[in-house]
C-alpha cells in the first residue's frame, strides 16, 4: 500500500471531485473480476472513484483496505459509498517501427455546391497514411515513385 502526504492527498481529492465512478461493486462484493477492473482503471487513469452498493460501513472500509493492499494503491478518500483510489499510471511504451507509416487521420472536406448559391457540403473522412485530399476534395492514394531507367544504367 502506498503512502501519500497530506498535501498530495488534498490535491488528489480536489482532482477527483469532478470524476464519476468507473467501477461499481454490487451485492456480490469484491470479486476477482471487480479487482481486475479496478486495476485496469488505475493503470489507465491513475485516479479513480469506486461506488460500493451496500449499507454496511465496516464492510466498505474492509473492502477499501483490501483493494489498496492487493493492488498497491493509495487510499485518497472514503465518503459514504464512494471510494477514491490512486496509483501512478504505468507508462505505456509503444515502439513504432521505422517502416510503419502514419496511421488514420480525420480530415474535413468542404465542397462548394454545384450552383454556388447553396451551402457547401461538409464531410469528415478518415484517411489512411498513403492517401491525400486533392484540390477538388477527392481522395487519392499516393503512387509509388517511378525510377529512372537512365539513372539505373549509368
C-alpha atoms as a PDB file:
ATOM      1  CA  UNK A   1       0.000   0.000   0.000  1.00  0.00           C
ATOM      2  CA  UNK A   2       1.365   3.396  -0.957  1.00  0.00           C
ATOM      3  CA  UNK A   3       1.549   6.312   1.438  1.00  0.00           C
ATOM      4  CA  UNK A   4       0.605   9.852   0.475  1.00  0.00           C
ATOM      5  CA  UNK A   5       1.499  13.081   2.223  1.00  0.00           C
ATOM      6  CA  UNK A   6      -1.424  15.240   3.355  1.00  0.00           C
ATOM      7  CA  UNK A   7      -0.626  17.791   0.626  1.00  0.00           C
ATOM      8  CA  UNK A   8      -0.670  15.106  -2.090  1.00  0.00           C
ATOM      9  CA  UNK A   9      -3.890  13.631  -0.710  1.00  0.00           C
ATOM     10  CA  UNK A  10      -5.536  17.068  -0.702  1.00  0.00           C
ATOM     11  CA  UNK A  11      -4.526  17.726  -4.314  1.00  0.00           C
ATOM     12  CA  UNK A  12      -5.817  14.299  -5.390  1.00  0.00           C
ATOM     13  CA  UNK A  13      -9.124  14.869  -3.569  1.00  0.00           C
ATOM     14  CA  UNK A  14      -9.570  18.144  -5.433  1.00  0.00           C
ATOM     15  CA  UNK A  15      -8.746  16.437  -8.739  1.00  0.00           C
ATOM     16  CA  UNK A  16     -11.156  13.572  -8.022  1.00  0.00           C
ATOM     17  CA  UNK A  17     -14.057  15.895  -7.240  1.00  0.00           C
ATOM     18  CA  UNK A  18     -15.266  16.062 -10.844  1.00  0.00           C
ATOM     19  CA  UNK A  19     -14.778  12.364 -11.610  1.00  0.00           C
ATOM     20  CA  UNK A  20     -17.583   9.860 -11.958  1.00  0.00           C
ATOM     21  CA  UNK A  21     -17.276   6.332 -10.529  1.00  0.00           C
ATOM     22  CA  UNK A  22     -15.889   3.931 -13.156  1.00  0.00           C
ATOM     23  CA  UNK A  23     -16.289   0.723 -11.119  1.00  0.00           C
ATOM     24  CA  UNK A  24     -19.425  -0.319  -9.255  1.00  0.00           C
ATOM     25  CA  UNK A  25     -19.273  -3.000  -6.559  1.00  0.00           C
ATOM     26  CA  UNK A  26     -22.619  -4.781  -6.201  1.00  0.00           C
ATOM     27  CA  UNK A  27     -24.043  -7.293  -3.756  1.00  0.00           C
ATOM     28  CA  UNK A  28     -21.540  -9.978  -4.878  1.00  0.00           C
ATOM     29  CA  UNK A  29     -18.841  -7.912  -3.190  1.00  0.00           C
ATOM     30  CA  UNK A  30     -15.178  -7.747  -4.066  1.00  0.00           C
ATOM     31  CA  UNK A  31     -14.703 -10.471  -6.687  1.00  0.00           C
ATOM     32  CA  UNK A  32     -11.653 -11.204  -8.838  1.00  0.00           C
ATOM     33  CA  UNK A  33     -13.302  -9.546 -11.842  1.00  0.00           C
ATOM     34  CA  UNK A  34     -14.015  -6.382  -9.856  1.00  0.00           C
ATOM     35  CA  UNK A  35     -10.380  -6.242  -8.703  1.00  0.00           C
ATOM     36  CA  UNK A  36      -9.244  -6.693 -12.310  1.00  0.00           C
ATOM     37  CA  UNK A  37     -11.440  -3.785 -13.475  1.00  0.00           C
ATOM     38  CA  UNK A  38     -10.174  -1.561 -10.664  1.00  0.00           C
ATOM     39  CA  UNK A  39      -6.588  -2.437 -11.595  1.00  0.00           C
ATOM     40  CA  UNK A  40      -7.239  -1.647 -15.282  1.00  0.00           C
ATOM     41  CA  UNK A  41      -8.843   1.653 -14.287  1.00  0.00           C
ATOM     42  CA  UNK A  42      -5.863   2.566 -12.124  1.00  0.00           C
ATOM     43  CA  UNK A  43      -3.440   1.654 -14.934  1.00  0.00           C
ATOM     44  CA  UNK A  44      -5.212   3.835 -17.474  1.00  0.00           C
ATOM     45  CA  UNK A  45      -6.427   6.754 -15.315  1.00  0.00           C
ATOM     46  CA  UNK A  46      -4.280   6.747 -12.186  1.00  0.00           C
ATOM     47  CA  UNK A  47      -7.024   8.282 -10.042  1.00  0.00           C
ATOM     48  CA  UNK A  48     -10.452   6.612  -9.935  1.00  0.00           C
ATOM     49  CA  UNK A  49     -13.685   6.554  -7.987  1.00  0.00           C
ATOM     50  CA  UNK A  50     -15.395   3.314  -6.983  1.00  0.00           C
ATOM     51  CA  UNK A  51     -19.027   3.144  -5.824  1.00  0.00           C
ATOM     52  CA  UNK A  52     -19.966   0.424  -3.334  1.00  0.00           C
ATOM     53  CA  UNK A  53     -23.630  -0.573  -3.117  1.00  0.00           C
ATOM     54  CA  UNK A  54     -24.402  -1.785   0.377  1.00  0.00           C
ATOM     55  CA  UNK A  55     -25.222  -0.206   3.711  1.00  0.00           C
ATOM     56  CA  UNK A  56     -22.614  -1.926   5.906  1.00  0.00           C
ATOM     57  CA  UNK A  57     -19.943   0.703   6.677  1.00  0.00           C
ATOM     58  CA  UNK A  58     -17.487  -1.786   8.198  1.00  0.00           C
ATOM     59  CA  UNK A  59     -17.677  -3.968   5.075  1.00  0.00           C
ATOM     60  CA  UNK A  60     -16.935  -0.911   2.886  1.00  0.00           C
ATOM     61  CA  UNK A  61     -13.906   0.005   4.996  1.00  0.00           C
ATOM     62  CA  UNK A  62     -12.659  -3.596   4.841  1.00  0.00           C
ATOM     63  CA  UNK A  63     -13.095  -3.581   1.021  1.00  0.00           C
ATOM     64  CA  UNK A  64     -11.260  -0.253   0.771  1.00  0.00           C
ATOM     65  CA  UNK A  65      -8.267  -1.538   2.731  1.00  0.00           C
ATOM     66  CA  UNK A  66      -8.297  -4.850   0.860  1.00  0.00           C
ATOM     67  CA  UNK A  67      -8.289  -3.121  -2.540  1.00  0.00           C
ATOM     68  CA  UNK A  68      -5.420  -0.838  -1.523  1.00  0.00           C
ATOM     69  CA  UNK A  69      -3.314  -3.736  -0.234  1.00  0.00           C
ATOM     70  CA  UNK A  70      -3.956  -6.122  -3.124  1.00  0.00           C
ATOM     71  CA  UNK A  71      -3.455  -3.546  -5.908  1.00  0.00           C
ATOM     72  CA  UNK A  72      -0.711  -1.460  -4.242  1.00  0.00           C
ATOM     73  CA  UNK A  73      -2.892   1.646  -4.421  1.00  0.00           C
ATOM     74  CA  UNK A  74      -3.053   4.636  -2.118  1.00  0.00           C
ATOM     75  CA  UNK A  75      -6.324   5.422  -0.317  1.00  0.00           C
ATOM     76  CA  UNK A  76      -7.283   9.021  -1.044  1.00  0.00           C
ATOM     77  CA  UNK A  77     -10.803   9.462   0.296  1.00  0.00           C
ATOM     78  CA  UNK A  78     -13.786   7.483   1.593  1.00  0.00           C
ATOM     79  CA  UNK A  79     -17.036   9.427   1.674  1.00  0.00           C
ATOM     80  CA  UNK A  80     -20.230   7.451   2.137  1.00  0.00           C
ATOM     81  CA  UNK A  81     -20.379   4.822  -0.574  1.00  0.00           C
ATOM     82  CA  UNK A  82     -17.635   6.391  -2.726  1.00  0.00           C
ATOM     83  CA  UNK A  83     -14.020   5.267  -2.540  1.00  0.00           C
ATOM     84  CA  UNK A  84     -11.251   7.262  -4.218  1.00  0.00           C
ATOM     85  CA  UNK A  85      -8.067   5.365  -5.099  1.00  0.00           C
ATOM     86  CA  UNK A  86      -4.744   6.454  -6.585  1.00  0.00           C
ATOM     87  CA  UNK A  87      -1.879   4.593  -8.168  1.00  0.00           C
ATOM     88  CA  UNK A  88       0.634   6.197 -10.549  1.00  0.00           C
ATOM     89  CA  UNK A  89      -0.123   5.376 -14.191  1.00  0.00           C
ATOM     90  CA  UNK A  90       2.012   2.784 -15.876  1.00  0.00           C
ATOM     91  CA  UNK A  91       3.947   4.264 -18.773  1.00  0.00           C
ATOM     92  CA  UNK A  92       2.757   2.679 -21.984  1.00  0.00           C
ATOM     93  CA  UNK A  93       5.761   2.036 -24.182  1.00  0.00           C
ATOM     94  CA  UNK A  94       4.611   1.518 -27.720  1.00  0.00           C
ATOM     95  CA  UNK A  95       7.539   1.446 -30.073  1.00  0.00           C
ATOM     96  CA  UNK A  96       6.833   2.083 -33.741  1.00  0.00           C
ATOM     97  CA  UNK A  97       8.986   0.521 -36.349  1.00  0.00           C
ATOM     98  CA  UNK A  98      10.791   2.712 -38.850  1.00  0.00           C
ATOM     99  CA  UNK A  99       8.941   1.117 -41.768  1.00  0.00           C
ATOM    100  CA  UNK A 100       5.482   1.801 -40.359  1.00  0.00           C
ATOM    101  CA  UNK A 101       3.659   4.687 -41.986  1.00  0.00           C
ATOM    102  CA  UNK A 102       1.279   7.148 -40.481  1.00  0.00           C
ATOM    103  CA  UNK A 103      -1.968   5.885 -39.022  1.00  0.00           C
ATOM    104  CA  UNK A 104      -5.519   7.009 -39.726  1.00  0.00           C
ATOM    105  CA  UNK A 105      -6.262  10.702 -39.516  1.00  0.00           C
ATOM    106  CA  UNK A 106      -9.531  12.596 -39.712  1.00  0.00           C
ATOM    107  CA  UNK A 107      -9.892  15.269 -42.396  1.00  0.00           C
ATOM    108  CA  UNK A 108     -12.791  17.642 -43.034  1.00  0.00           C
ATOM    109  CA  UNK A 109     -13.638  18.101 -46.714  1.00  0.00           C
ATOM    110  CA  UNK A 110     -15.647  21.175 -47.710  1.00  0.00           C
ATOM    111  CA  UNK A 111     -17.035  21.124 -51.269  1.00  0.00           C
ATOM    112  CA  UNK A 112     -18.906  24.116 -52.679  1.00  0.00           C
ATOM    113  CA  UNK A 113     -22.383  23.499 -54.062  1.00  0.00           C
ATOM    114  CA  UNK A 114     -22.591  22.972 -57.862  1.00  0.00           C
ATOM    115  CA  UNK A 115     -24.802  26.026 -58.341  1.00  0.00           C
ATOM    116  CA  UNK A 116     -22.829  28.222 -55.983  1.00  0.00           C
ATOM    117  CA  UNK A 117     -25.939  29.562 -54.248  1.00  0.00           C
ATOM    118  CA  UNK A 118     -26.450  26.824 -51.670  1.00  0.00           C
ATOM    119  CA  UNK A 119     -24.393  25.892 -48.648  1.00  0.00           C
ATOM    120  CA  UNK A 120     -21.200  23.927 -49.186  1.00  0.00           C
ATOM    121  CA  UNK A 121     -21.232  20.232 -48.253  1.00  0.00           C
ATOM    122  CA  UNK A 122     -19.050  19.343 -45.286  1.00  0.00           C
ATOM    123  CA  UNK A 123     -17.905  15.748 -44.739  1.00  0.00           C
ATOM    124  CA  UNK A 124     -15.461  14.217 -42.292  1.00  0.00           C
ATOM    125  CA  UNK A 125     -13.359  11.389 -43.712  1.00  0.00           C
ATOM    126  CA  UNK A 126     -10.727   9.056 -42.237  1.00  0.00           C
ATOM    127  CA  UNK A 127      -7.614   8.955 -44.418  1.00  0.00           C
ATOM    128  CA  UNK A 128      -5.023   6.232 -44.379  1.00  0.00           C
ATOM    129  CA  UNK A 129      -1.321   7.053 -44.262  1.00  0.00           C
ATOM    130  CA  UNK A 130      -0.794   6.946 -48.042  1.00  0.00           C
ATOM    131  CA  UNK A 131      -3.902   8.959 -49.007  1.00  0.00           C
ATOM    132  CA  UNK A 132      -4.313  12.671 -49.604  1.00  0.00           C
ATOM    133  CA  UNK A 133      -7.113  15.093 -50.455  1.00  0.00           C
ATOM    134  CA  UNK A 134      -6.898  16.823 -53.848  1.00  0.00           C
ATOM    135  CA  UNK A 135      -7.821  20.430 -54.565  1.00  0.00           C
ATOM    136  CA  UNK A 136     -11.307  19.363 -55.688  1.00  0.00           C
ATOM    137  CA  UNK A 137     -11.962  17.414 -52.476  1.00  0.00           C
ATOM    138  CA  UNK A 138     -11.322  13.939 -53.881  1.00  0.00           C
ATOM    139  CA  UNK A 139      -9.238  11.303 -52.105  1.00  0.00           C
ATOM    140  CA  UNK A 140      -6.194   9.968 -53.926  1.00  0.00           C
ATOM    141  CA  UNK A 141      -3.658   7.337 -52.981  1.00  0.00           C
ATOM    142  CA  UNK A 142      -0.008   8.143 -53.297  1.00  0.00           C
ATOM    143  CA  UNK A 143       1.591   6.339 -56.209  1.00  0.00           C
ATOM    144  CA  UNK A 144       4.902   4.552 -55.967  1.00  0.00           C
ATOM    145  CA  UNK A 145       7.544   6.812 -57.427  1.00  0.00           C
ATOM    146  CA  UNK A 146       8.881   5.588 -60.766  1.00  0.00           C
ATOM    147  CA  UNK A 147      12.597   5.040 -61.018  1.00  0.00           C
ATOM    148  CA  UNK A 148      14.522   6.396 -63.956  1.00  0.00           C
ATOM    149  CA  UNK A 149      15.927   3.737 -66.269  1.00  0.00           C
ATOM    150  CA  UNK A 150      18.688   6.128 -67.351  1.00  0.00           C
ATOM    151  CA  UNK A 151      19.961   6.592 -63.787  1.00  0.00           C
ATOM    152  CA  UNK A 152      20.000   2.861 -63.055  1.00  0.00           C
ATOM    153  CA  UNK A 153      22.003   2.096 -66.252  1.00  0.00           C
ATOM    154  CA  UNK A 154      24.665   4.730 -65.701  1.00  0.00           C
END
